[in-house]
Amino acid sequence: MRILIDECMPWKIGKRIIGHECEGVVKAGFAGEGNGVLLRLAEEAGYDVLLTVDQGIPYQQSLKDLRIAVIVIRATSNKIEVLEPHIPAVLNALASIHAGEVIYGVTGVNG
């Protein structure tokens, strides 16, 4: 899957998501865009999933008409060392996610 790493996360986390093509928002050319515009641009660019820690995306944006899926990690920080334990849960979510679906509150073993 093609995964877009949200701007609120370190793009290097994508290197730990083995078996998927990951790119950060800045490299994709979408830096500074609001969530609604970002989701539409990502979808138009062919991304399958937006990976974020932004807990508000499912509530702030109407996702029902989009094909891009969203995975929201529930973490205490957006630092890479805090996010790394969540990668197995992200990989599990990627194995079952469908277009347009939101998986909210993905968390690692230690919450």
PDB file of N, CA and C in Angstrom:
ATOM      1  N   MET A   1       0.835  -1.185   0.000  1.00  0.00           N
ATOM      2  CA  MET A   1       0.000   0.000   0.000  1.00  0.00           C
ATOM      3  C   MET A   1       0.877   1.245   0.000  1.00  0.00           C
ATOM      4  N   ARG A   2       0.336   2.310  -0.558  1.00  0.00           N
ATOM      5  CA  ARG A   2       1.010   3.609  -0.504  1.00  0.00           C
ATOM      6  C   ARG A   2       0.470   4.360   0.704  1.00  0.00           C
ATOM      7  N   ILE A   3       1.369   4.714   1.597  1.00  0.00           N
ATOM      8  CA  ILE A   3       0.986   5.353   2.855  1.00  0.00           C
ATOM      9  C   ILE A   3       1.582   6.753   2.915  1.00  0.00           C
ATOM     10  N   LEU A   4       0.733   7.708   3.254  1.00  0.00           N
ATOM     11  CA  LEU A   4       1.180   9.080   3.461  1.00  0.00           C
ATOM     12  C   LEU A   4       1.291   9.316   4.959  1.00  0.00           C
ATOM     13  N   ILE A   5       2.480   9.715   5.404  1.00  0.00           N
ATOM     14  CA  ILE A   5       2.727   9.998   6.815  1.00  0.00           C
ATOM     15  C   ILE A   5       2.370  11.461   7.068  1.00  0.00           C
ATOM     16  N   ASP A   6       1.434  11.696   7.952  1.00  0.00           N
ATOM     17  CA  ASP A   6       0.956  13.052   8.230  1.00  0.00           C
ATOM     18  C   ASP A   6       2.091  13.944   8.729  1.00  0.00           C
ATOM     19  N   GLU A   7       1.928  15.223   8.507  1.00  0.00           N
ATOM     20  CA  GLU A   7       2.926  16.228   8.873  1.00  0.00           C
ATOM     21  C   GLU A   7       3.174  16.293  10.378  1.00  0.00           C
ATOM     22  N   CYS A   8       2.212  15.864  11.170  1.00  0.00           N
ATOM     23  CA  CYS A   8       2.354  15.907  12.628  1.00  0.00           C
ATOM     24  C   CYS A   8       3.154  14.718  13.165  1.00  0.00           C
ATOM     25  N   MET A   9       3.683  13.899  12.265  1.00  0.00           N
ATOM     26  CA  MET A   9       4.482  12.734  12.660  1.00  0.00           C
ATOM     27  C   MET A   9       5.855  12.813  12.004  1.00  0.00           C
ATOM     28  N   PRO A  10       6.862  12.188  12.616  1.00  0.00           N
ATOM     29  CA  PRO A  10       8.169  12.131  11.959  1.00  0.00           C
ATOM     30  C   PRO A  10       8.090  11.213  10.737  1.00  0.00           C
ATOM     31  N   TRP A  11       8.490  11.703   9.574  1.00  0.00           N
ATOM     32  CA  TRP A  11       8.396  10.911   8.348  1.00  0.00           C
ATOM     33  C   TRP A  11       9.237   9.639   8.417  1.00  0.00           C
ATOM     34  N   LYS A  12      10.272   9.644   9.244  1.00  0.00           N
ATOM     35  CA  LYS A  12      11.151   8.474   9.344  1.00  0.00           C
ATOM     36  C   LYS A  12      10.439   7.243   9.894  1.00  0.00           C
ATOM     37  N   ILE A  13       9.278   7.432  10.515  1.00  0.00           N
ATOM     38  CA  ILE A  13       8.526   6.281  11.017  1.00  0.00           C
ATOM     39  C   ILE A  13       8.147   5.351   9.861  1.00  0.00           C
ATOM     40  N   GLY A  14       8.036   5.909   8.670  1.00  0.00           N
ATOM     41  CA  GLY A  14       7.700   5.111   7.491  1.00  0.00           C
ATOM     42  C   GLY A  14       8.726   4.043   7.176  1.00  0.00           C
ATOM     43  N   LYS A  15       9.980   4.260   7.564  1.00  0.00           N
ATOM     44  CA  LYS A  15      11.027   3.262   7.332  1.00  0.00           C
ATOM     45  C   LYS A  15      10.788   1.995   8.142  1.00  0.00           C
ATOM     46  N   ARG A  16       9.977   2.090   9.175  1.00  0.00           N
ATOM     47  CA  ARG A  16       9.698   0.939  10.031  1.00  0.00           C
ATOM     48  C   ARG A  16       8.441   0.183   9.599  1.00  0.00           C
ATOM     49  N   ILE A  17       7.752   0.710   8.614  1.00  0.00           N
ATOM     50  CA  ILE A  17       6.531   0.071   8.117  1.00  0.00           C
ATOM     51  C   ILE A  17       6.925  -0.759   6.899  1.00  0.00           C
ATOM     52  N   ILE A  18       7.453  -1.925   7.177  1.00  0.00           N
ATOM     53  CA  ILE A  18       8.027  -2.805   6.166  1.00  0.00           C
ATOM     54  C   ILE A  18       6.935  -3.355   5.242  1.00  0.00           C
ATOM     55  N   GLY A  19       7.261  -3.403   3.955  1.00  0.00           N
ATOM     56  CA  GLY A  19       6.350  -3.984   2.978  1.00  0.00           C
ATOM     57  C   GLY A  19       5.374  -2.997   2.371  1.00  0.00           C
ATOM     58  N   HIS A  20       5.522  -1.724   2.712  1.00  0.00           N
ATOM     59  CA  HIS A  20       4.634  -0.694   2.190  1.00  0.00           C
ATOM     60  C   HIS A  20       5.466   0.501   1.746  1.00  0.00           C
ATOM     61  N   GLU A  21       4.943   1.250   0.797  1.00  0.00           N
ATOM     62  CA  GLU A  21       5.612   2.456   0.312  1.00  0.00           C
ATOM     63  C   GLU A  21       5.127   3.643   1.139  1.00  0.00           C
ATOM     64  N   CYS A  22       6.031   4.251   1.879  1.00  0.00           N
ATOM     65  CA  CYS A  22       5.665   5.357   2.769  1.00  0.00           C
ATOM     66  C   CYS A  22       6.377   6.636   2.354  1.00  0.00           C
ATOM     67  N   GLU A  23       5.655   7.739   2.491  1.00  0.00           N
ATOM     68  CA  GLU A  23       6.217   9.040   2.155  1.00  0.00           C
ATOM     69  C   GLU A  23       5.622  10.083   3.088  1.00  0.00           C
ATOM     70  N   GLY A  24       6.427  11.040   3.486  1.00  0.00           N
ATOM     71  CA  GLY A  24       5.952  12.113   4.341  1.00  0.00           C
ATOM     72  C   GLY A  24       5.214  13.183   3.552  1.00  0.00           C
ATOM     73  N   VAL A  25       4.372  13.925   4.235  1.00  0.00           N
ATOM     74  CA  VAL A  25       3.580  14.986   3.618  1.00  0.00           C
ATOM     75  C   VAL A  25       4.474  16.024   2.936  1.00  0.00           C
ATOM     76  N   VAL A  26       5.582  16.386   3.562  1.00  0.00           N
ATOM     77  CA  VAL A  26       6.471  17.402   2.988  1.00  0.00           C
ATOM     78  C   VAL A  26       7.047  16.914   1.664  1.00  0.00           C
ATOM     79  N   LYS A  27       7.576  15.694   1.644  1.00  0.00           N
ATOM     80  CA  LYS A  27       8.159  15.145   0.418  1.00  0.00           C
ATOM     81  C   LYS A  27       7.111  15.006  -0.682  1.00  0.00           C
ATOM     82  N   ALA A  28       5.885  14.712  -0.295  1.00  0.00           N
ATOM     83  CA  ALA A  28       4.804  14.569  -1.269  1.00  0.00           C
ATOM     84  C   ALA A  28       4.369  15.914  -1.845  1.00  0.00           C
ATOM     85  N   GLY A  29       4.808  17.010  -1.210  1.00  0.00           N
ATOM     86  CA  GLY A  29       4.466  18.340  -1.696  1.00  0.00           C
ATOM     87  C   GLY A  29       3.179  18.908  -1.126  1.00  0.00           C
ATOM     88  N   PHE A  30       2.725  18.338  -0.012  1.00  0.00           N
ATOM     89  CA  PHE A  30       1.453  18.751   0.583  1.00  0.00           C
ATOM     90  C   PHE A  30       1.626  19.500   1.900  1.00  0.00           C
ATOM     91  N   ALA A  31       2.821  19.967   2.195  1.00  0.00           N
ATOM     92  CA  ALA A  31       3.085  20.637   3.474  1.00  0.00           C
ATOM     93  C   ALA A  31       2.179  21.840   3.667  1.00  0.00           C
ATOM     94  N   GLY A  32       1.672  21.983   4.884  1.00  0.00           N
ATOM     95  CA  GLY A  32       0.878  23.142   5.251  1.00  0.00           C
ATOM     96  C   GLY A  32      -0.582  23.082   4.857  1.00  0.00           C
ATOM     97  N   GLU A  33      -0.988  22.038   4.178  1.00  0.00           N
ATOM     98  CA  GLU A  33      -2.390  21.919   3.764  1.00  0.00           C
ATOM     99  C   GLU A  33      -3.252  21.517   4.955  1.00  0.00           C
ATOM    100  N   GLY A  34      -4.463  22.010   4.996  1.00  0.00           N
ATOM    101  CA  GLY A  34      -5.420  21.601   6.017  1.00  0.00           C
ATOM    102  C   GLY A  34      -5.845  20.160   5.780  1.00  0.00           C
ATOM    103  N   ASN A  35      -6.436  19.549   6.785  1.00  0.00           N
ATOM    104  CA  ASN A  35      -6.780  18.131   6.697  1.00  0.00           C
ATOM    105  C   ASN A  35      -7.681  17.783   5.519  1.00  0.00           C
ATOM    106  N   GLY A  36      -8.703  18.578   5.270  1.00  0.00           N
ATOM    107  CA  GLY A  36      -9.620  18.274   4.173  1.00  0.00           C
ATOM    108  C   GLY A  36      -8.925  18.294   2.826  1.00  0.00           C
ATOM    109  N   VAL A  37      -8.139  19.338   2.586  1.00  0.00           N
ATOM    110  CA  VAL A  37      -7.386  19.453   1.334  1.00  0.00           C
ATOM    111  C   VAL A  37      -6.353  18.339   1.255  1.00  0.00           C
ATOM    112  N   LEU A  38      -5.671  18.075   2.355  1.00  0.00           N
ATOM    113  CA  LEU A  38      -4.656  17.027   2.390  1.00  0.00           C
ATOM    114  C   LEU A  38      -5.246  15.678   1.998  1.00  0.00           C
ATOM    115  N   LEU A  39      -6.379  15.326   2.555  1.00  0.00           N
ATOM    116  CA  LEU A  39      -7.009  14.042   2.234  1.00  0.00           C
ATOM    117  C   LEU A  39      -7.353  13.950   0.753  1.00  0.00           C
ATOM    118  N   ARG A  40      -7.872  14.999   0.193  1.00  0.00           N
ATOM    119  CA  ARG A  40      -8.234  14.987  -1.238  1.00  0.00           C
ATOM    120  C   ARG A  40      -6.983  14.920  -2.128  1.00  0.00           C
ATOM    121  N   LEU A  41      -5.952  15.693  -1.783  1.00  0.00           N
ATOM    122  CA  LEU A  41      -4.711  15.646  -2.555  1.00  0.00           C
ATOM    123  C   LEU A  41      -4.066  14.264  -2.482  1.00  0.00           C
ATOM    124  N   ALA A  42      -4.054  13.691  -1.290  1.00  0.00           N
ATOM    125  CA  ALA A  42      -3.466  12.362  -1.107  1.00  0.00           C
ATOM    126  C   ALA A  42      -4.219  11.325  -1.933  1.00  0.00           C
ATOM    127  N   GLU A  43      -5.520  11.399  -1.903  1.00  0.00           N
ATOM    128  CA  GLU A  43      -6.333  10.462  -2.678  1.00  0.00           C
ATOM    129  C   GLU A  43      -6.059  10.627  -4.176  1.00  0.00           C
ATOM    130  N   GLU A  44      -6.038  11.866  -4.642  1.00  0.00           N
ATOM    131  CA  GLU A  44      -5.775  12.140  -6.061  1.00  0.00           C
ATOM    132  C   GLU A  44      -4.386  11.669  -6.483  1.00  0.00           C
ATOM    133  N   ALA A  45      -3.427  11.702  -5.561  1.00  0.00           N
ATOM    134  CA  ALA A  45      -2.058  11.276  -5.857  1.00  0.00           C
ATOM    135  C   ALA A  45      -1.889   9.759  -5.767  1.00  0.00           C
ATOM    136  N   GLY A  46      -2.938   9.053  -5.390  1.00  0.00           N
ATOM    137  CA  GLY A  46      -2.882   7.597  -5.372  1.00  0.00           C
ATOM    138  C   GLY A  46      -2.467   6.963  -4.062  1.00  0.00           C
ATOM    139  N   TYR A  47      -2.476   7.721  -2.986  1.00  0.00           N
ATOM    140  CA  TYR A  47      -2.182   7.126  -1.682  1.00  0.00           C
ATOM    141  C   TYR A  47      -3.382   6.312  -1.223  1.00  0.00           C
ATOM    142  N   ASP A  48      -3.101   5.209  -0.552  1.00  0.00           N
ATOM    143  CA  ASP A  48      -4.159   4.332  -0.040  1.00  0.00           C
ATOM    144  C   ASP A  48      -4.557   4.691   1.384  1.00  0.00           C
ATOM    145  N   VAL A  49      -3.567   5.140   2.168  1.00  0.00           N
ATOM    146  CA  VAL A  49      -3.783   5.357   3.602  1.00  0.00           C
ATOM    147  C   VAL A  49      -3.068   6.628   4.053  1.00  0.00           C
ATOM    148  N   LEU A  50      -3.731   7.387   4.920  1.00  0.00           N
ATOM    149  CA  LEU A  50      -3.085   8.471   5.655  1.00  0.00           C
ATOM    150  C   LEU A  50      -2.847   7.957   7.065  1.00  0.00           C
ATOM    151  N   LEU A  51      -1.602   8.003   7.511  1.00  0.00           N
ATOM    152  CA  LEU A  51      -1.244   7.596   8.869  1.00  0.00           C
ATOM    153  C   LEU A  51      -1.017   8.856   9.686  1.00  0.00           C
ATOM    154  N   THR A  52      -1.700   8.964  10.820  1.00  0.00           N
ATOM    155  CA  THR A  52      -1.648  10.194  11.608  1.00  0.00           C
ATOM    156  C   THR A  52      -1.776   9.911  13.096  1.00  0.00           C
ATOM    157  N   VAL A  53      -1.421  10.900  13.893  1.00  0.00           N
ATOM    158  CA  VAL A  53      -1.721  10.880  15.326  1.00  0.00           C
ATOM    159  C   VAL A  53      -2.763  11.944  15.647  1.00  0.00           C
ATOM    160  N   ASP A  54      -3.272  12.613  14.620  1.00  0.00           N
ATOM    161  CA  ASP A  54      -4.276  13.664  14.798  1.00  0.00           C
ATOM    162  C   ASP A  54      -5.612  13.026  15.170  1.00  0.00           C
ATOM    163  N   GLN A  55      -5.922  13.048  16.453  1.00  0.00           N
ATOM    164  CA  GLN A  55      -7.128  12.393  16.967  1.00  0.00           C
ATOM    165  C   GLN A  55      -8.413  13.016  16.430  1.00  0.00           C
ATOM    166  N   GLY A  56      -8.333  14.236  15.925  1.00  0.00           N
ATOM    167  CA  GLY A  56      -9.530  14.935  15.486  1.00  0.00           C
ATOM    168  C   GLY A  56      -9.941  14.693  14.048  1.00  0.00           C
ATOM    169  N   ILE A  57      -9.078  14.113  13.235  1.00  0.00           N
ATOM    170  CA  ILE A  57      -9.403  13.962  11.816  1.00  0.00           C
ATOM    171  C   ILE A  57     -10.750  13.282  11.575  1.00  0.00           C
ATOM    172  N   PRO A  58     -11.046  12.170  12.231  1.00  0.00           N
ATOM    173  CA  PRO A  58     -12.343  11.535  11.942  1.00  0.00           C
ATOM    174  C   PRO A  58     -13.539  12.414  12.305  1.00  0.00           C
ATOM    175  N   TYR A  59     -13.340  13.355  13.200  1.00  0.00           N
ATOM    176  CA  TYR A  59     -14.439  14.214  13.641  1.00  0.00           C
ATOM    177  C   TYR A  59     -14.484  15.533  12.878  1.00  0.00           C
ATOM    178  N   GLN A  60     -13.321  15.990  12.402  1.00  0.00           N
ATOM    179  CA  GLN A  60     -13.229  17.279  11.719  1.00  0.00           C
ATOM    180  C   GLN A  60     -13.574  17.183  10.240  1.00  0.00           C
ATOM    181  N   GLN A  61     -13.378  16.015   9.670  1.00  0.00           N
ATOM    182  CA  GLN A  61     -13.516  15.863   8.227  1.00  0.00           C
ATOM    183  C   GLN A  61     -14.593  14.845   7.877  1.00  0.00           C
ATOM    184  N   SER A  62     -15.304  15.115   6.811  1.00  0.00           N
ATOM    185  CA  SER A  62     -16.242  14.138   6.276  1.00  0.00           C
ATOM    186  C   SER A  62     -15.439  13.193   5.393  1.00  0.00           C
ATOM    187  N   LEU A  63     -15.332  11.965   5.825  1.00  0.00           N
ATOM    188  CA  LEU A  63     -14.529  10.986   5.103  1.00  0.00           C
ATOM    189  C   LEU A  63     -15.382  10.049   4.258  1.00  0.00           C
ATOM    190  N   LYS A  64     -16.691  10.177   4.341  1.00  0.00           N
ATOM    191  CA  LYS A  64     -17.574   9.198   3.709  1.00  0.00           C
ATOM    192  C   LYS A  64     -17.452   9.154   2.195  1.00  0.00           C
ATOM    193  N   ASP A  65     -17.072  10.247   1.561  1.00  0.00           N
ATOM    194  CA  ASP A  65     -16.973  10.273   0.105  1.00  0.00           C
ATOM    195  C   ASP A  65     -15.557  10.023  -0.403  1.00  0.00           C
ATOM    196  N   LEU A  66     -14.646   9.720   0.485  1.00  0.00           N
ATOM    197  CA  LEU A  66     -13.253   9.506   0.094  1.00  0.00           C
ATOM    198  C   LEU A  66     -12.930   8.024  -0.005  1.00  0.00           C
ATOM    199  N   ARG A  67     -11.986   7.715  -0.882  1.00  0.00           N
ATOM    200  CA  ARG A  67     -11.513   6.331  -1.006  1.00  0.00           C
ATOM    201  C   ARG A  67     -10.288   6.088  -0.133  1.00  0.00           C
ATOM    202  N   ILE A  68      -9.588   7.154   0.242  1.00  0.00           N
ATOM    203  CA  ILE A  68      -8.396   6.979   1.065  1.00  0.00           C
ATOM    204  C   ILE A  68      -8.815   6.537   2.466  1.00  0.00           C
ATOM    205  N   ALA A  69      -8.068   5.614   3.015  1.00  0.00           N
ATOM    206  CA  ALA A  69      -8.313   5.154   4.382  1.00  0.00           C
ATOM    207  C   ALA A  69      -7.445   5.975   5.331  1.00  0.00           C
ATOM    208  N   VAL A  70      -7.815   5.976   6.599  1.00  0.00           N
ATOM    209  CA  VAL A  70      -7.071   6.723   7.614  1.00  0.00           C
ATOM    210  C   VAL A  70      -6.826   5.813   8.807  1.00  0.00           C
ATOM    211  N   ILE A  71      -5.585   5.789   9.270  1.00  0.00           N
ATOM    212  CA  ILE A  71      -5.238   5.096  10.512  1.00  0.00           C
ATOM    213  C   ILE A  71      -4.774   6.156  11.496  1.00  0.00           C
ATOM    214  N   VAL A  72      -5.432   6.202  12.641  1.00  0.00           N
ATOM    215  CA  VAL A  72      -5.104   7.168  13.684  1.00  0.00           C
ATOM    216  C   VAL A  72      -4.438   6.421  14.836  1.00  0.00           C
ATOM    217  N   ILE A  73      -3.184   6.745  15.103  1.00  0.00           N
ATOM    218  CA  ILE A  73      -2.453   6.137  16.215  1.00  0.00           C
ATOM    219  C   ILE A  73      -2.767   6.908  17.487  1.00  0.00           C
ATOM    220  N   ARG A  74      -3.076   6.180  18.545  1.00  0.00           N
ATOM    221  CA  ARG A  74      -3.276   6.812  19.851  1.00  0.00           C
ATOM    222  C   ARG A  74      -1.965   6.698  20.624  1.00  0.00           C
ATOM    223  N   ALA A  75      -1.294   7.833  20.777  1.00  0.00           N
ATOM    224  CA  ALA A  75       0.003   7.852  21.454  1.00  0.00           C
ATOM    225  C   ALA A  75       0.089   9.094  22.332  1.00  0.00           C
ATOM    226  N   THR A  76       0.971   9.040  23.311  1.00  0.00           N
ATOM    227  CA  THR A  76       1.138  10.155  24.236  1.00  0.00           C
ATOM    228  C   THR A  76       2.003  11.266  23.660  1.00  0.00           C
ATOM    229  N   SER A  77       2.676  10.981  22.545  1.00  0.00           N
ATOM    230  CA  SER A  77       3.574  11.942  21.914  1.00  0.00           C
ATOM    231  C   SER A  77       3.723  11.562  20.447  1.00  0.00           C
ATOM    232  N   ASN A  78       4.230  12.489  19.653  1.00  0.00           N
ATOM    233  CA  ASN A  78       4.502  12.156  18.263  1.00  0.00           C
ATOM    234  C   ASN A  78       5.996  11.905  18.029  1.00  0.00           C
ATOM    235  N   LYS A  79       6.742  11.698  19.087  1.00  0.00           N
ATOM    236  CA  LYS A  79       8.168  11.388  18.964  1.00  0.00           C
ATOM    237  C   LYS A  79       8.328   9.960  18.455  1.00  0.00           C
ATOM    238  N   ILE A  80       9.344   9.764  17.634  1.00  0.00           N
ATOM    239  CA  ILE A  80       9.528   8.472  16.987  1.00  0.00           C
ATOM    240  C   ILE A  80       9.682   7.331  17.991  1.00  0.00           C
ATOM    241  N   GLU A  81      10.367   7.596  19.101  1.00  0.00           N
ATOM    242  CA  GLU A  81      10.561   6.526  20.091  1.00  0.00           C
ATOM    243  C   GLU A  81       9.246   6.151  20.785  1.00  0.00           C
ATOM    244  N   VAL A  82       8.309   7.054  20.826  1.00  0.00           N
ATOM    245  CA  VAL A  82       6.984   6.767  21.392  1.00  0.00           C
ATOM    246  C   VAL A  82       6.122   6.042  20.359  1.00  0.00           C
ATOM    247  N   LEU A  83       6.288   6.375  19.090  1.00  0.00           N
ATOM    248  CA  LEU A  83       5.475   5.777  18.029  1.00  0.00           C
ATOM    249  C   LEU A  83       5.929   4.377  17.629  1.00  0.00           C
ATOM    250  N   GLU A  84       7.218   4.083  17.747  1.00  0.00           N
ATOM    251  CA  GLU A  84       7.746   2.786  17.311  1.00  0.00           C
ATOM    252  C   GLU A  84       7.002   1.584  17.893  1.00  0.00           C
ATOM    253  N   PRO A  85       6.653   1.558  19.180  1.00  0.00           N
ATOM    254  CA  PRO A  85       5.937   0.394  19.708  1.00  0.00           C
ATOM    255  C   PRO A  85       4.555   0.179  19.078  1.00  0.00           C
ATOM    256  N   HIS A  86       4.043   1.178  18.381  1.00  0.00           N
ATOM    257  CA  HIS A  86       2.730   1.077  17.746  1.00  0.00           C
ATOM    258  C   HIS A  86       2.797   0.463  16.344  1.00  0.00           C
ATOM    259  N   ILE A  87       3.995   0.291  15.808  1.00  0.00           N
ATOM    260  CA  ILE A  87       4.142  -0.195  14.434  1.00  0.00           C
ATOM    261  C   ILE A  87       3.504  -1.570  14.220  1.00  0.00           C
ATOM    262  N   PRO A  88       3.664  -2.550  15.115  1.00  0.00           N
ATOM    263  CA  PRO A  88       2.968  -3.827  14.881  1.00  0.00           C
ATOM    264  C   PRO A  88       1.451  -3.666  14.751  1.00  0.00           C
ATOM    265  N   ALA A  89       0.861  -2.792  15.546  1.00  0.00           N
ATOM    266  CA  ALA A  89      -0.584  -2.550  15.448  1.00  0.00           C
ATOM    267  C   ALA A  89      -0.928  -1.859  14.129  1.00  0.00           C
ATOM    268  N   VAL A  90      -0.061  -0.968  13.672  1.00  0.00           N
ATOM    269  CA  VAL A  90      -0.275  -0.314  12.376  1.00  0.00           C
ATOM    270  C   VAL A  90      -0.230  -1.357  11.263  1.00  0.00           C
ATOM    271  N   LEU A  91       0.750  -2.253  11.316  1.00  0.00           N
ATOM    272  CA  LEU A  91       0.856  -3.303  10.301  1.00  0.00           C
ATOM    273  C   LEU A  91      -0.377  -4.202  10.305  1.00  0.00           C
ATOM    274  N   ASN A  92      -0.885  -4.531  11.485  1.00  0.00           N
ATOM    275  CA  ASN A  92      -2.118  -5.323  11.571  1.00  0.00           C
ATOM    276  C   ASN A  92      -3.286  -4.573  10.951  1.00  0.00           C
ATOM    277  N   ALA A  93      -3.381  -3.286  11.231  1.00  0.00           N
ATOM    278  CA  ALA A  93      -4.463  -2.474  10.665  1.00  0.00           C
ATOM    279  C   ALA A  93      -4.344  -2.415   9.142  1.00  0.00           C
ATOM    280  N   LEU A  94      -3.131  -2.276   8.636  1.00  0.00           N
ATOM    281  CA  LEU A  94      -2.925  -2.218   7.189  1.00  0.00           C
ATOM    282  C   LEU A  94      -3.339  -3.513   6.503  1.00  0.00           C
ATOM    283  N   ALA A  95      -3.212  -4.626   7.206  1.00  0.00           N
ATOM    284  CA  ALA A  95      -3.568  -5.924   6.628  1.00  0.00           C
ATOM    285  C   ALA A  95      -5.065  -6.073   6.404  1.00  0.00           C
ATOM    286  N   SER A  96      -5.866  -5.271   7.108  1.00  0.00           N
ATOM    287  CA  SER A  96      -7.317  -5.457   7.005  1.00  0.00           C
ATOM    288  C   SER A  96      -8.089  -4.207   6.585  1.00  0.00           C
ATOM    289  N   ILE A  97      -7.413  -3.085   6.454  1.00  0.00           N
ATOM    290  CA  ILE A  97      -8.123  -1.832   6.169  1.00  0.00           C
ATOM    291  C   ILE A  97      -8.649  -1.814   4.736  1.00  0.00           C
ATOM    292  N   HIS A  98      -9.774  -1.146   4.558  1.00  0.00           N
ATOM    293  CA  HIS A  98     -10.402  -1.017   3.244  1.00  0.00           C
ATOM    294  C   HIS A  98     -10.480   0.456   2.860  1.00  0.00           C
ATOM    295  N   ALA A  99     -10.611   0.701   1.581  1.00  0.00           N
ATOM    296  CA  ALA A  99     -10.731   2.067   1.073  1.00  0.00           C
ATOM    297  C   ALA A  99     -11.856   2.804   1.789  1.00  0.00           C
ATOM    298  N   GLY A 100     -11.564   4.012   2.237  1.00  0.00           N
ATOM    299  CA  GLY A 100     -12.556   4.845   2.904  1.00  0.00           C
ATOM    300  C   GLY A 100     -12.767   4.558   4.376  1.00  0.00           C
ATOM    301  N   GLU A 101     -12.112   3.547   4.894  1.00  0.00           N
ATOM    302  CA  GLU A 101     -12.283   3.167   6.302  1.00  0.00           C
ATOM    303  C   GLU A 101     -11.373   4.003   7.199  1.00  0.00           C
ATOM    304  N   VAL A 102     -11.824   4.240   8.414  1.00  0.00           N
ATOM    305  CA  VAL A 102     -11.006   4.894   9.428  1.00  0.00           C
ATOM    306  C   VAL A 102     -10.811   3.907  10.564  1.00  0.00           C
ATOM    307  N   ILE A 103      -9.562   3.635  10.887  1.00  0.00           N
ATOM    308  CA  ILE A 103      -9.252   2.822  12.067  1.00  0.00           C
ATOM    309  C   ILE A 103      -8.696   3.792  13.089  1.00  0.00           C
ATOM    310  N   TYR A 104      -9.453   3.987  14.142  1.00  0.00           N
ATOM    311  CA  TYR A 104      -9.165   5.014  15.136  1.00  0.00           C
ATOM    312  C   TYR A 104      -8.615   4.389  16.409  1.00  0.00           C
ATOM    313  N   GLY A 105      -7.577   4.985  16.942  1.00  0.00           N
ATOM    314  CA  GLY A 105      -7.064   4.564  18.238  1.00  0.00           C
ATOM    315  C   GLY A 105      -6.132   3.381  18.198  1.00  0.00           C
ATOM    316  N   VAL A 106      -5.429   3.183  17.060  1.00  0.00           N
ATOM    317  CA  VAL A 106      -4.450   2.108  16.978  1.00  0.00           C
ATOM    318  C   VAL A 106      -3.407   2.353  18.056  1.00  0.00           C
ATOM    319  N   THR A 107      -3.104   1.317  18.793  1.00  0.00           N
ATOM    320  CA  THR A 107      -2.161   1.470  19.897  1.00  0.00           C
ATOM    321  C   THR A 107      -1.251   0.257  19.994  1.00  0.00           C
ATOM    322  N   GLY A 108      -0.052   0.476  20.499  1.00  0.00           N
ATOM    323  CA  GLY A 108       0.897  -0.606  20.690  1.00  0.00           C
ATOM    324  C   GLY A 108       0.637  -1.334  21.990  1.00  0.00           C
ATOM    325  N   VAL A 109       1.508  -2.258  22.303  1.00  0.00           N
ATOM    326  CA  VAL A 109       1.374  -3.098  23.488  1.00  0.00           C
ATOM    327  C   VAL A 109       1.274  -2.274  24.760  1.00  0.00           C
ATOM    328  N   ASN A 110       2.048  -1.203  24.846  1.00  0.00           N
ATOM    329  CA  ASN A 110       2.073  -0.398  26.065  1.00  0.00           C
ATOM    330  C   ASN A 110       1.113   0.789  26.033  1.00  0.00           C
ATOM    331  N   GLY A 111       0.197   0.799  25.052  1.00  0.00           N
ATOM    332  CA  GLY A 111      -0.811   1.857  24.987  1.00  0.00           C
ATOM    333  C   GLY A 111      -0.262   3.155  24.601  1.00  0.00           C
TER     334      GLY A 111
END
